[in-house]
């Protein structure tokens, strides 16, 4: 496909234009503290988006990942506090494992019983969120009860400085977690047989099965990995905000799916790239940040996100139609 038709080039051009317009209207946009804040806001959405990207490419869809992220992180932090576990590596691994186990539930119904992914993930997401709220209610783990190492992790900075008024700003080290995750998924999709099988599954499931691909095995891997990434994002989210709230991330799936589709992934399967998703995530964060600065009500922000999904899906459908013509 020609460069000017590539989704990455289009979204990248629109993103650059949007940044130039916003920066011209408000020069404070280019201040490092604002850029660092935008990058910080990319971390959690971006890591979740990597999991959603894999599922969309395979021809599925997932709306359960926000519930998995919240439950994995909340359960992990409760256990870390109860057992007084040290460090940050173990809590992160625990949350990833819990997320993978939740993802395995999705995989079981999708791969074993060939159920519709949307219905499955709606059900599992609701069940996990419901069980969590049923057992703990709205009981938050606030900063006084949060494991100190997780709080300290978010305070580690790659770069820091002072504004003219003396206020501190910095780029959290957690951005590197997002970068490494994106690079790993890019390598998986582009340079491994498993990655090619994921594209094949989304492009034409019947042909993929005839070609000898293990469809149930691929689906199990994808949904488990998406769950693991949700758990990873959940624990990093709690680290960034210094608390764990069982009611957090409600409606988060809309933002993440919007970002992935905006980045050029097809909801019909078989298409999507990590670069496009990274650009889509940044674009969505930029739009939402601009709406907040403009003091647009949260309700209308949801309307904007919904419009983005419809527009991006329509463009994707048109692109696919032209490609197949």
C-alpha atoms as a PDB file:
ATOM      1  CA  UNK A   1       0.000   0.000   0.000  1.00  0.00           C
ATOM      2  CA  UNK A   2       1.318   3.464  -0.866  1.00  0.00           C
ATOM      3  CA  UNK A   3       2.709   5.587   1.968  1.00  0.00           C
ATOM      4  CA  UNK A   4       0.017   8.257   1.700  1.00  0.00           C
ATOM      5  CA  UNK A   5      -2.671   5.618   2.122  1.00  0.00           C
ATOM      6  CA  UNK A   6      -1.127   3.929   5.135  1.00  0.00           C
ATOM      7  CA  UNK A   7      -3.107   4.378   8.338  1.00  0.00           C
ATOM      8  CA  UNK A   8       0.041   5.212  10.282  1.00  0.00           C
ATOM      9  CA  UNK A   9       0.948   8.037   7.913  1.00  0.00           C
ATOM     10  CA  UNK A  10      -2.574   9.458   7.982  1.00  0.00           C
ATOM     11  CA  UNK A  11      -2.983   9.370  11.762  1.00  0.00           C
ATOM     12  CA  UNK A  12       0.577  10.649  12.218  1.00  0.00           C
ATOM     13  CA  UNK A  13      -0.099  13.595   9.895  1.00  0.00           C
ATOM     14  CA  UNK A  14      -3.377  14.430  11.643  1.00  0.00           C
ATOM     15  CA  UNK A  15      -1.670  14.148  15.033  1.00  0.00           C
ATOM     16  CA  UNK A  16       1.152  16.479  13.984  1.00  0.00           C
ATOM     17  CA  UNK A  17      -1.329  18.983  12.543  1.00  0.00           C
ATOM     18  CA  UNK A  18      -3.413  18.875  15.733  1.00  0.00           C
ATOM     19  CA  UNK A  19      -0.319  19.472  17.873  1.00  0.00           C
ATOM     20  CA  UNK A  20       0.751  22.416  15.696  1.00  0.00           C
ATOM     21  CA  UNK A  21      -2.717  23.987  15.906  1.00  0.00           C
ATOM     22  CA  UNK A  22      -2.993  23.493  19.672  1.00  0.00           C
ATOM     23  CA  UNK A  23       0.578  24.717  20.173  1.00  0.00           C
ATOM     24  CA  UNK A  24      -0.120  27.838  18.108  1.00  0.00           C
ATOM     25  CA  UNK A  25      -3.279  28.643  20.056  1.00  0.00           C
ATOM     26  CA  UNK A  26      -1.664  27.870  23.396  1.00  0.00           C
ATOM     27  CA  UNK A  27       2.177  27.954  23.372  1.00  0.00           C
ATOM     28  CA  UNK A  28       2.179  26.415  26.858  1.00  0.00           C
ATOM     29  CA  UNK A  29       1.368  23.135  25.102  1.00  0.00           C
ATOM     30  CA  UNK A  30       5.039  22.779  24.148  1.00  0.00           C
ATOM     31  CA  UNK A  31       6.270  23.088  27.733  1.00  0.00           C
ATOM     32  CA  UNK A  32       8.003  19.918  28.876  1.00  0.00           C
ATOM     33  CA  UNK A  33       5.703  19.518  31.870  1.00  0.00           C
ATOM     34  CA  UNK A  34       2.667  19.312  29.542  1.00  0.00           C
ATOM     35  CA  UNK A  35       4.405  16.922  27.113  1.00  0.00           C
ATOM     36  CA  UNK A  36       5.480  14.711  30.027  1.00  0.00           C
ATOM     37  CA  UNK A  37       1.930  14.741  31.384  1.00  0.00           C
ATOM     38  CA  UNK A  38       0.593  13.631  27.984  1.00  0.00           C
ATOM     39  CA  UNK A  39       3.118  10.786  27.857  1.00  0.00           C
ATOM     40  CA  UNK A  40       2.183   9.775  31.403  1.00  0.00           C
ATOM     41  CA  UNK A  41      -1.476   9.591  30.384  1.00  0.00           C
ATOM     42  CA  UNK A  42      -0.526   7.275  27.499  1.00  0.00           C
ATOM     43  CA  UNK A  43       0.921   4.551  29.726  1.00  0.00           C
ATOM     44  CA  UNK A  44      -2.144   2.712  31.030  1.00  0.00           C
ATOM     45  CA  UNK A  45      -4.327   3.177  27.945  1.00  0.00           C
ATOM     46  CA  UNK A  46      -1.405   2.230  25.712  1.00  0.00           C
ATOM     47  CA  UNK A  47      -0.566  -1.033  27.471  1.00  0.00           C
ATOM     48  CA  UNK A  48      -4.222  -2.081  27.453  1.00  0.00           C
ATOM     49  CA  UNK A  49      -4.444  -1.100  23.795  1.00  0.00           C
ATOM     50  CA  UNK A  50      -1.708  -3.600  22.929  1.00  0.00           C
ATOM     51  CA  UNK A  51      -3.921  -6.427  24.195  1.00  0.00           C
ATOM     52  CA  UNK A  52      -6.985  -5.094  22.412  1.00  0.00           C
ATOM     53  CA  UNK A  53      -4.945  -4.757  19.204  1.00  0.00           C
ATOM     54  CA  UNK A  54      -4.058  -8.454  19.277  1.00  0.00           C
ATOM     55  CA  UNK A  55      -7.685  -9.430  19.788  1.00  0.00           C
ATOM     56  CA  UNK A  56      -9.002  -7.136  17.045  1.00  0.00           C
ATOM     57  CA  UNK A  57      -6.402  -8.397  14.568  1.00  0.00           C
ATOM     58  CA  UNK A  58      -7.507 -11.965  15.336  1.00  0.00           C
ATOM     59  CA  UNK A  59     -11.102 -11.060  14.498  1.00  0.00           C
ATOM     60  CA  UNK A  60     -12.370 -10.851  18.079  1.00  0.00           C
ATOM     61  CA  UNK A  61     -13.245  -8.060  20.474  1.00  0.00           C
ATOM     62  CA  UNK A  62     -12.795  -7.586  24.209  1.00  0.00           C
ATOM     63  CA  UNK A  63     -14.654  -5.288  26.612  1.00  0.00           C
ATOM     64  CA  UNK A  64     -13.696  -7.099  29.817  1.00  0.00           C
ATOM     65  CA  UNK A  65     -10.136  -5.801  30.207  1.00  0.00           C
ATOM     66  CA  UNK A  66     -10.935  -2.775  32.445  1.00  0.00           C
ATOM     67  CA  UNK A  67     -12.627  -5.073  34.974  1.00  0.00           C
ATOM     68  CA  UNK A  68      -9.705  -7.512  34.766  1.00  0.00           C
ATOM     69  CA  UNK A  69      -7.220  -4.670  35.288  1.00  0.00           C
ATOM     70  CA  UNK A  70      -8.994  -3.328  38.353  1.00  0.00           C
ATOM     71  CA  UNK A  71      -9.607  -6.752  39.919  1.00  0.00           C
ATOM     72  CA  UNK A  72      -6.062  -8.005  39.276  1.00  0.00           C
ATOM     73  CA  UNK A  73      -4.451  -4.914  40.780  1.00  0.00           C
ATOM     74  CA  UNK A  74      -6.843  -4.694  43.740  1.00  0.00           C
ATOM     75  CA  UNK A  75      -6.452  -8.367  44.702  1.00  0.00           C
ATOM     76  CA  UNK A  76      -2.683  -8.115  44.288  1.00  0.00           C
ATOM     77  CA  UNK A  77      -2.361  -5.055  46.510  1.00  0.00           C
ATOM     78  CA  UNK A  78      -4.579  -6.626  49.165  1.00  0.00           C
ATOM     79  CA  UNK A  79      -2.351  -9.721  49.220  1.00  0.00           C
ATOM     80  CA  UNK A  80       0.856  -7.672  49.187  1.00  0.00           C
ATOM     81  CA  UNK A  81      -0.324  -5.667  52.185  1.00  0.00           C
ATOM     82  CA  UNK A  82      -1.627  -8.739  54.035  1.00  0.00           C
ATOM     83  CA  UNK A  83       1.547 -10.789  53.477  1.00  0.00           C
ATOM     84  CA  UNK A  84       3.818  -7.728  53.683  1.00  0.00           C
ATOM     85  CA  UNK A  85       5.567  -8.680  50.456  1.00  0.00           C
ATOM     86  CA  UNK A  86       8.618  -6.538  49.589  1.00  0.00           C
ATOM     87  CA  UNK A  87       9.643  -4.799  46.376  1.00  0.00           C
ATOM     88  CA  UNK A  88       7.768  -4.047  43.156  1.00  0.00           C
ATOM     89  CA  UNK A  89       8.645  -6.983  40.895  1.00  0.00           C
ATOM     90  CA  UNK A  90       6.542  -9.538  42.776  1.00  0.00           C
ATOM     91  CA  UNK A  91       3.383  -7.358  42.907  1.00  0.00           C
ATOM     92  CA  UNK A  92       3.696  -6.631  39.186  1.00  0.00           C
ATOM     93  CA  UNK A  93       4.123 -10.324  38.368  1.00  0.00           C
ATOM     94  CA  UNK A  94       1.176 -11.241  40.604  1.00  0.00           C
ATOM     95  CA  UNK A  95      -1.122  -8.755  38.887  1.00  0.00           C
ATOM     96  CA  UNK A  96       0.001 -10.004  35.465  1.00  0.00           C
ATOM     97  CA  UNK A  97      -0.716 -13.610  36.489  1.00  0.00           C
ATOM     98  CA  UNK A  98      -4.165 -12.730  37.851  1.00  0.00           C
ATOM     99  CA  UNK A  99      -4.922 -10.908  34.596  1.00  0.00           C
ATOM    100  CA  UNK A 100      -3.788 -13.898  32.532  1.00  0.00           C
ATOM    101  CA  UNK A 101      -6.028 -16.196  34.576  1.00  0.00           C
ATOM    102  CA  UNK A 102      -8.998 -13.912  33.968  1.00  0.00           C
ATOM    103  CA  UNK A 103      -8.094 -13.891  30.276  1.00  0.00           C
ATOM    104  CA  UNK A 104      -8.064 -17.678  30.325  1.00  0.00           C
ATOM    105  CA  UNK A 105     -11.765 -17.580  31.221  1.00  0.00           C
ATOM    106  CA  UNK A 106     -12.445 -15.614  28.033  1.00  0.00           C
ATOM    107  CA  UNK A 107     -10.260 -18.003  26.053  1.00  0.00           C
ATOM    108  CA  UNK A 108     -12.123 -21.018  27.409  1.00  0.00           C
ATOM    109  CA  UNK A 109     -15.497 -19.842  26.130  1.00  0.00           C
ATOM    110  CA  UNK A 110     -14.233 -18.338  22.858  1.00  0.00           C
ATOM    111  CA  UNK A 111     -11.832 -21.134  21.859  1.00  0.00           C
ATOM    112  CA  UNK A 112     -13.594 -24.163  23.346  1.00  0.00           C
ATOM    113  CA  UNK A 113     -17.236 -23.330  22.722  1.00  0.00           C
ATOM    114  CA  UNK A 114     -16.725 -20.882  19.826  1.00  0.00           C
ATOM    115  CA  UNK A 115     -18.937 -18.304  21.507  1.00  0.00           C
ATOM    116  CA  UNK A 116     -19.161 -14.716  20.255  1.00  0.00           C
ATOM    117  CA  UNK A 117     -16.268 -12.746  21.860  1.00  0.00           C
ATOM    118  CA  UNK A 118     -18.368  -9.647  22.522  1.00  0.00           C
ATOM    119  CA  UNK A 119     -20.959 -11.633  24.482  1.00  0.00           C
ATOM    120  CA  UNK A 120     -18.301 -13.599  26.367  1.00  0.00           C
ATOM    121  CA  UNK A 121     -16.288 -10.546  27.390  1.00  0.00           C
ATOM    122  CA  UNK A 122     -19.398  -8.590  28.347  1.00  0.00           C
ATOM    123  CA  UNK A 123     -20.336 -11.466  30.636  1.00  0.00           C
ATOM    124  CA  UNK A 124     -16.912 -12.113  32.164  1.00  0.00           C
ATOM    125  CA  UNK A 125     -16.207  -8.419  32.652  1.00  0.00           C
ATOM    126  CA  UNK A 126     -19.526  -7.948  34.418  1.00  0.00           C
ATOM    127  CA  UNK A 127     -19.002 -11.037  36.568  1.00  0.00           C
ATOM    128  CA  UNK A 128     -15.479 -10.093  37.666  1.00  0.00           C
ATOM    129  CA  UNK A 129     -16.489  -6.510  38.430  1.00  0.00           C
ATOM    130  CA  UNK A 130     -19.624  -7.724  40.204  1.00  0.00           C
ATOM    131  CA  UNK A 131     -17.768 -10.240  42.373  1.00  0.00           C
ATOM    132  CA  UNK A 132     -15.163  -7.628  43.297  1.00  0.00           C
ATOM    133  CA  UNK A 133     -17.753  -5.039  44.293  1.00  0.00           C
ATOM    134  CA  UNK A 134     -19.829  -7.709  46.025  1.00  0.00           C
ATOM    135  CA  UNK A 135     -16.933  -8.708  48.270  1.00  0.00           C
ATOM    136  CA  UNK A 136     -15.272  -5.339  48.927  1.00  0.00           C
ATOM    137  CA  UNK A 137     -17.994  -2.830  48.088  1.00  0.00           C
ATOM    138  CA  UNK A 138     -16.533   0.616  47.445  1.00  0.00           C
ATOM    139  CA  UNK A 139     -13.663   0.120  49.893  1.00  0.00           C
ATOM    140  CA  UNK A 140     -10.629   1.867  48.420  1.00  0.00           C
ATOM    141  CA  UNK A 141      -7.018   1.142  49.276  1.00  0.00           C
ATOM    142  CA  UNK A 142      -5.810   4.699  49.815  1.00  0.00           C
ATOM    143  CA  UNK A 143      -2.313   6.129  49.906  1.00  0.00           C
ATOM    144  CA  UNK A 144      -1.846   5.287  53.591  1.00  0.00           C
ATOM    145  CA  UNK A 145      -2.398   1.571  52.897  1.00  0.00           C
ATOM    146  CA  UNK A 146      -0.733   1.338  49.479  1.00  0.00           C
ATOM    147  CA  UNK A 147       2.566  -0.600  49.354  1.00  0.00           C
ATOM    148  CA  UNK A 148       5.276   2.039  49.569  1.00  0.00           C
ATOM    149  CA  UNK A 149       7.485   0.490  46.843  1.00  0.00           C
ATOM    150  CA  UNK A 150       4.675   0.892  44.279  1.00  0.00           C
ATOM    151  CA  UNK A 151       4.322   4.571  45.139  1.00  0.00           C
ATOM    152  CA  UNK A 152       8.087   5.067  44.992  1.00  0.00           C
ATOM    153  CA  UNK A 153       8.186   3.344  41.584  1.00  0.00           C
ATOM    154  CA  UNK A 154       5.958   6.008  40.036  1.00  0.00           C
ATOM    155  CA  UNK A 155       8.181   8.715  41.532  1.00  0.00           C
ATOM    156  CA  UNK A 156      11.261   7.463  39.680  1.00  0.00           C
ATOM    157  CA  UNK A 157      11.917   9.793  36.774  1.00  0.00           C
ATOM    158  CA  UNK A 158      13.886   9.575  33.547  1.00  0.00           C
ATOM    159  CA  UNK A 159      14.137  13.343  33.377  1.00  0.00           C
ATOM    160  CA  UNK A 160      13.040  16.146  35.703  1.00  0.00           C
ATOM    161  CA  UNK A 161      13.194  19.922  35.933  1.00  0.00           C
ATOM    162  CA  UNK A 162      11.677  23.044  37.433  1.00  0.00           C
ATOM    163  CA  UNK A 163       9.202  25.475  35.914  1.00  0.00           C
ATOM    164  CA  UNK A 164       9.715  29.226  36.090  1.00  0.00           C
ATOM    165  CA  UNK A 165       7.503  29.349  39.183  1.00  0.00           C
ATOM    166  CA  UNK A 166       9.620  26.710  40.916  1.00  0.00           C
ATOM    167  CA  UNK A 167       7.182  23.802  40.553  1.00  0.00           C
ATOM    168  CA  UNK A 168       8.683  20.409  39.781  1.00  0.00           C
ATOM    169  CA  UNK A 169       7.945  18.314  36.705  1.00  0.00           C
ATOM    170  CA  UNK A 170       9.323  15.023  35.458  1.00  0.00           C
ATOM    171  CA  UNK A 171       8.902  12.084  33.097  1.00  0.00           C
ATOM    172  CA  UNK A 172       8.048   8.938  35.045  1.00  0.00           C
ATOM    173  CA  UNK A 173      10.088   5.801  34.438  1.00  0.00           C
ATOM    174  CA  UNK A 174       6.810   3.935  33.862  1.00  0.00           C
ATOM    175  CA  UNK A 175       6.824   5.328  30.320  1.00  0.00           C
ATOM    176  CA  UNK A 176       9.606   2.824  29.617  1.00  0.00           C
ATOM    177  CA  UNK A 177       7.277  -0.012  30.656  1.00  0.00           C
ATOM    178  CA  UNK A 178       4.890   1.107  27.911  1.00  0.00           C
ATOM    179  CA  UNK A 179       7.699   1.445  25.359  1.00  0.00           C
ATOM    180  CA  UNK A 180       9.075  -2.032  26.090  1.00  0.00           C
ATOM    181  CA  UNK A 181       5.569  -3.531  25.946  1.00  0.00           C
ATOM    182  CA  UNK A 182       4.887  -1.932  22.555  1.00  0.00           C
ATOM    183  CA  UNK A 183       8.244  -3.134  21.196  1.00  0.00           C
ATOM    184  CA  UNK A 184       7.570  -6.682  22.422  1.00  0.00           C
ATOM    185  CA  UNK A 185       4.136  -6.808  20.767  1.00  0.00           C
ATOM    186  CA  UNK A 186       5.594  -5.325  17.573  1.00  0.00           C
ATOM    187  CA  UNK A 187       8.253  -8.047  17.507  1.00  0.00           C
ATOM    188  CA  UNK A 188       5.612 -10.718  18.148  1.00  0.00           C
ATOM    189  CA  UNK A 189       3.373  -9.559  15.313  1.00  0.00           C
ATOM    190  CA  UNK A 190       6.029  -8.820  12.714  1.00  0.00           C
ATOM    191  CA  UNK A 191       8.796 -11.334  13.265  1.00  0.00           C
ATOM    192  CA  UNK A 192       7.218 -14.526  14.602  1.00  0.00           C
ATOM    193  CA  UNK A 193       5.120 -17.298  13.109  1.00  0.00           C
ATOM    194  CA  UNK A 194       2.633 -16.761  15.934  1.00  0.00           C
ATOM    195  CA  UNK A 195       2.196 -13.158  14.833  1.00  0.00           C
ATOM    196  CA  UNK A 196       1.542 -14.213  11.248  1.00  0.00           C
ATOM    197  CA  UNK A 197      -0.975 -16.763  12.480  1.00  0.00           C
ATOM    198  CA  UNK A 198      -2.840 -14.035  14.390  1.00  0.00           C
ATOM    199  CA  UNK A 199      -3.185 -11.991  11.194  1.00  0.00           C
ATOM    200  CA  UNK A 200      -4.206 -15.116   9.265  1.00  0.00           C
ATOM    201  CA  UNK A 201      -6.885 -15.943  11.826  1.00  0.00           C
ATOM    202  CA  UNK A 202      -8.405 -12.469  11.569  1.00  0.00           C
ATOM    203  CA  UNK A 203      -8.115 -12.298   7.799  1.00  0.00           C
ATOM    204  CA  UNK A 204      -9.790 -15.620   7.015  1.00  0.00           C
ATOM    205  CA  UNK A 205     -10.414 -18.118   9.860  1.00  0.00           C
ATOM    206  CA  UNK A 206     -11.433 -20.935   7.514  1.00  0.00           C
ATOM    207  CA  UNK A 207      -8.305 -20.617   5.381  1.00  0.00           C
ATOM    208  CA  UNK A 208      -6.154 -20.321   8.508  1.00  0.00           C
ATOM    209  CA  UNK A 209      -7.571 -23.572   9.853  1.00  0.00           C
ATOM    210  CA  UNK A 210      -7.075 -25.321   6.515  1.00  0.00           C
ATOM    211  CA  UNK A 211      -3.476 -24.089   6.486  1.00  0.00           C
ATOM    212  CA  UNK A 212      -2.908 -26.027   9.692  1.00  0.00           C
ATOM    213  CA  UNK A 213      -2.946 -23.225  12.256  1.00  0.00           C
ATOM    214  CA  UNK A 214      -4.047 -24.256  15.748  1.00  0.00           C
ATOM    215  CA  UNK A 215      -6.986 -21.851  16.041  1.00  0.00           C
ATOM    216  CA  UNK A 216      -8.012 -22.694  19.652  1.00  0.00           C
ATOM    217  CA  UNK A 217      -4.379 -22.468  20.751  1.00  0.00           C
ATOM    218  CA  UNK A 218      -3.909 -19.087  19.096  1.00  0.00           C
ATOM    219  CA  UNK A 219      -7.117 -17.727  20.633  1.00  0.00           C
ATOM    220  CA  UNK A 220      -6.135 -19.009  24.066  1.00  0.00           C
ATOM    221  CA  UNK A 221      -2.754 -17.304  23.805  1.00  0.00           C
ATOM    222  CA  UNK A 222      -4.272 -14.012  22.628  1.00  0.00           C
ATOM    223  CA  UNK A 223      -6.915 -13.735  25.343  1.00  0.00           C
ATOM    224  CA  UNK A 224      -4.491 -14.788  28.089  1.00  0.00           C
ATOM    225  CA  UNK A 225      -1.933 -12.242  26.900  1.00  0.00           C
ATOM    226  CA  UNK A 226      -4.592  -9.522  26.688  1.00  0.00           C
ATOM    227  CA  UNK A 227      -5.625 -10.369  30.256  1.00  0.00           C
ATOM    228  CA  UNK A 228      -1.994 -10.292  31.401  1.00  0.00           C
ATOM    229  CA  UNK A 229      -1.517  -6.871  29.807  1.00  0.00           C
ATOM    230  CA  UNK A 230      -4.684  -5.669  31.541  1.00  0.00           C
ATOM    231  CA  UNK A 231      -3.304  -6.848  34.881  1.00  0.00           C
ATOM    232  CA  UNK A 232       0.006  -5.131  34.109  1.00  0.00           C
ATOM    233  CA  UNK A 233      -1.757  -1.881  33.212  1.00  0.00           C
ATOM    234  CA  UNK A 234      -3.923  -2.110  36.329  1.00  0.00           C
ATOM    235  CA  UNK A 235      -1.016  -2.320  38.780  1.00  0.00           C
ATOM    236  CA  UNK A 236       0.827   0.511  36.989  1.00  0.00           C
ATOM    237  CA  UNK A 237      -2.350   2.607  37.114  1.00  0.00           C
ATOM    238  CA  UNK A 238      -2.553   2.130  40.873  1.00  0.00           C
ATOM    239  CA  UNK A 239       1.128   2.977  41.171  1.00  0.00           C
ATOM    240  CA  UNK A 240       0.568   6.223  39.273  1.00  0.00           C
ATOM    241  CA  UNK A 241      -2.476   7.386  41.254  1.00  0.00           C
ATOM    242  CA  UNK A 242      -1.311   5.992  44.655  1.00  0.00           C
ATOM    243  CA  UNK A 243      -4.561   4.176  45.415  1.00  0.00           C
ATOM    244  CA  UNK A 244      -6.686   1.234  44.290  1.00  0.00           C
ATOM    245  CA  UNK A 245     -10.392   1.770  43.689  1.00  0.00           C
ATOM    246  CA  UNK A 246     -12.657  -1.211  42.810  1.00  0.00           C
ATOM    247  CA  UNK A 247     -14.964   1.146  40.909  1.00  0.00           C
ATOM    248  CA  UNK A 248     -12.158   2.520  38.760  1.00  0.00           C
ATOM    249  CA  UNK A 249     -11.951   2.335  34.947  1.00  0.00           C
ATOM    250  CA  UNK A 250     -15.691   2.049  34.340  1.00  0.00           C
ATOM    251  CA  UNK A 251     -16.283   2.883  30.684  1.00  0.00           C
ATOM    252  CA  UNK A 252     -12.548   2.675  30.001  1.00  0.00           C
ATOM    253  CA  UNK A 253     -13.071   0.114  27.251  1.00  0.00           C
ATOM    254  CA  UNK A 254     -14.569   2.791  24.999  1.00  0.00           C
ATOM    255  CA  UNK A 255     -11.399   4.908  25.141  1.00  0.00           C
ATOM    256  CA  UNK A 256      -9.054   2.005  24.475  1.00  0.00           C
ATOM    257  CA  UNK A 257     -11.050   0.522  21.595  1.00  0.00           C
ATOM    258  CA  UNK A 258     -11.395   4.012  20.103  1.00  0.00           C
ATOM    259  CA  UNK A 259      -7.619   4.472  20.229  1.00  0.00           C
ATOM    260  CA  UNK A 260      -6.906   1.111  18.579  1.00  0.00           C
ATOM    261  CA  UNK A 261      -9.471   1.619  15.808  1.00  0.00           C
ATOM    262  CA  UNK A 262      -8.271   5.194  15.330  1.00  0.00           C
ATOM    263  CA  UNK A 263      -4.800   3.742  14.825  1.00  0.00           C
ATOM    264  CA  UNK A 264      -5.999   1.761  11.812  1.00  0.00           C
ATOM    265  CA  UNK A 265      -6.914  -1.629  13.277  1.00  0.00           C
ATOM    266  CA  UNK A 266      -9.904  -3.200  11.555  1.00  0.00           C
ATOM    267  CA  UNK A 267     -12.823  -4.342  13.694  1.00  0.00           C
ATOM    268  CA  UNK A 268     -13.329  -7.021  11.050  1.00  0.00           C
ATOM    269  CA  UNK A 269      -9.933  -8.542  11.803  1.00  0.00           C
ATOM    270  CA  UNK A 270      -6.704  -9.118   9.920  1.00  0.00           C
ATOM    271  CA  UNK A 271      -5.365  -5.547  10.036  1.00  0.00           C
ATOM    272  CA  UNK A 272      -3.597  -3.396  12.599  1.00  0.00           C
ATOM    273  CA  UNK A 273      -0.114  -2.356  13.691  1.00  0.00           C
ATOM    274  CA  UNK A 274       1.598  -1.386  16.923  1.00  0.00           C
ATOM    275  CA  UNK A 275       2.791   1.929  15.468  1.00  0.00           C
ATOM    276  CA  UNK A 276      -0.729   2.828  14.399  1.00  0.00           C
ATOM    277  CA  UNK A 277      -2.050   1.931  17.844  1.00  0.00           C
ATOM    278  CA  UNK A 278       0.619   4.013  19.610  1.00  0.00           C
ATOM    279  CA  UNK A 279      -0.311   6.998  17.427  1.00  0.00           C
ATOM    280  CA  UNK A 280      -4.017   6.351  18.005  1.00  0.00           C
ATOM    281  CA  UNK A 281      -3.506   6.280  21.767  1.00  0.00           C
ATOM    282  CA  UNK A 282      -1.571   9.552  21.698  1.00  0.00           C
ATOM    283  CA  UNK A 283      -4.225  11.160  19.509  1.00  0.00           C
ATOM    284  CA  UNK A 284      -7.022  10.107  21.854  1.00  0.00           C
ATOM    285  CA  UNK A 285      -5.119  11.329  24.931  1.00  0.00           C
ATOM    286  CA  UNK A 286      -4.406  14.620  23.156  1.00  0.00           C
ATOM    287  CA  UNK A 287      -8.080  15.094  22.260  1.00  0.00           C
ATOM    288  CA  UNK A 288      -9.286  14.292  25.779  1.00  0.00           C
ATOM    289  CA  UNK A 289      -6.624  16.533  27.317  1.00  0.00           C
ATOM    290  CA  UNK A 290      -7.717  19.392  25.051  1.00  0.00           C
ATOM    291  CA  UNK A 291     -11.375  18.852  25.985  1.00  0.00           C
ATOM    292  CA  UNK A 292     -10.470  18.990  29.675  1.00  0.00           C
ATOM    293  CA  UNK A 293      -8.528  22.234  29.173  1.00  0.00           C
ATOM    294  CA  UNK A 294     -11.574  23.634  27.349  1.00  0.00           C
ATOM    295  CA  UNK A 295     -13.669  22.548  30.381  1.00  0.00           C
ATOM    296  CA  UNK A 296     -15.931  20.340  28.275  1.00  0.00           C
ATOM    297  CA  UNK A 297     -18.261  18.256  30.455  1.00  0.00           C
ATOM    298  CA  UNK A 298     -17.383  14.564  30.903  1.00  0.00           C
ATOM    299  CA  UNK A 299     -20.655  13.540  29.249  1.00  0.00           C
ATOM    300  CA  UNK A 300     -19.776  15.415  26.075  1.00  0.00           C
ATOM    301  CA  UNK A 301     -16.287  13.934  26.153  1.00  0.00           C
ATOM    302  CA  UNK A 302     -17.937  10.509  25.807  1.00  0.00           C
ATOM    303  CA  UNK A 303     -19.852  11.827  22.805  1.00  0.00           C
ATOM    304  CA  UNK A 304     -16.588  12.899  21.166  1.00  0.00           C
ATOM    305  CA  UNK A 305     -15.020   9.480  21.813  1.00  0.00           C
ATOM    306  CA  UNK A 306     -18.109   7.812  20.328  1.00  0.00           C
ATOM    307  CA  UNK A 307     -17.850   9.974  17.215  1.00  0.00           C
ATOM    308  CA  UNK A 308     -14.165   9.030  16.898  1.00  0.00           C
ATOM    309  CA  UNK A 309     -15.072   5.326  17.001  1.00  0.00           C
ATOM    310  CA  UNK A 310     -17.795   5.732  14.356  1.00  0.00           C
ATOM    311  CA  UNK A 311     -15.600   7.828  12.071  1.00  0.00           C
ATOM    312  CA  UNK A 312     -12.557   5.569  12.426  1.00  0.00           C
ATOM    313  CA  UNK A 313     -14.673   2.453  11.845  1.00  0.00           C
ATOM    314  CA  UNK A 314     -16.282   3.973   8.752  1.00  0.00           C
ATOM    315  CA  UNK A 315     -12.870   4.893   7.334  1.00  0.00           C
ATOM    316  CA  UNK A 316     -11.549   1.407   8.089  1.00  0.00           C
ATOM    317  CA  UNK A 317     -14.554  -0.219   6.410  1.00  0.00           C
ATOM    318  CA  UNK A 318     -14.118   1.994   3.343  1.00  0.00           C
ATOM    319  CA  UNK A 319     -10.389   1.183   3.221  1.00  0.00           C
ATOM    320  CA  UNK A 320     -11.081  -2.551   3.442  1.00  0.00           C
ATOM    321  CA  UNK A 321     -13.719  -2.296   0.721  1.00  0.00           C
ATOM    322  CA  UNK A 322     -11.300  -0.476  -1.607  1.00  0.00           C
ATOM    323  CA  UNK A 323      -8.537  -2.975  -0.822  1.00  0.00           C
ATOM    324  CA  UNK A 324     -10.746  -5.978  -1.590  1.00  0.00           C
ATOM    325  CA  UNK A 325     -12.272  -4.431  -4.704  1.00  0.00           C
END
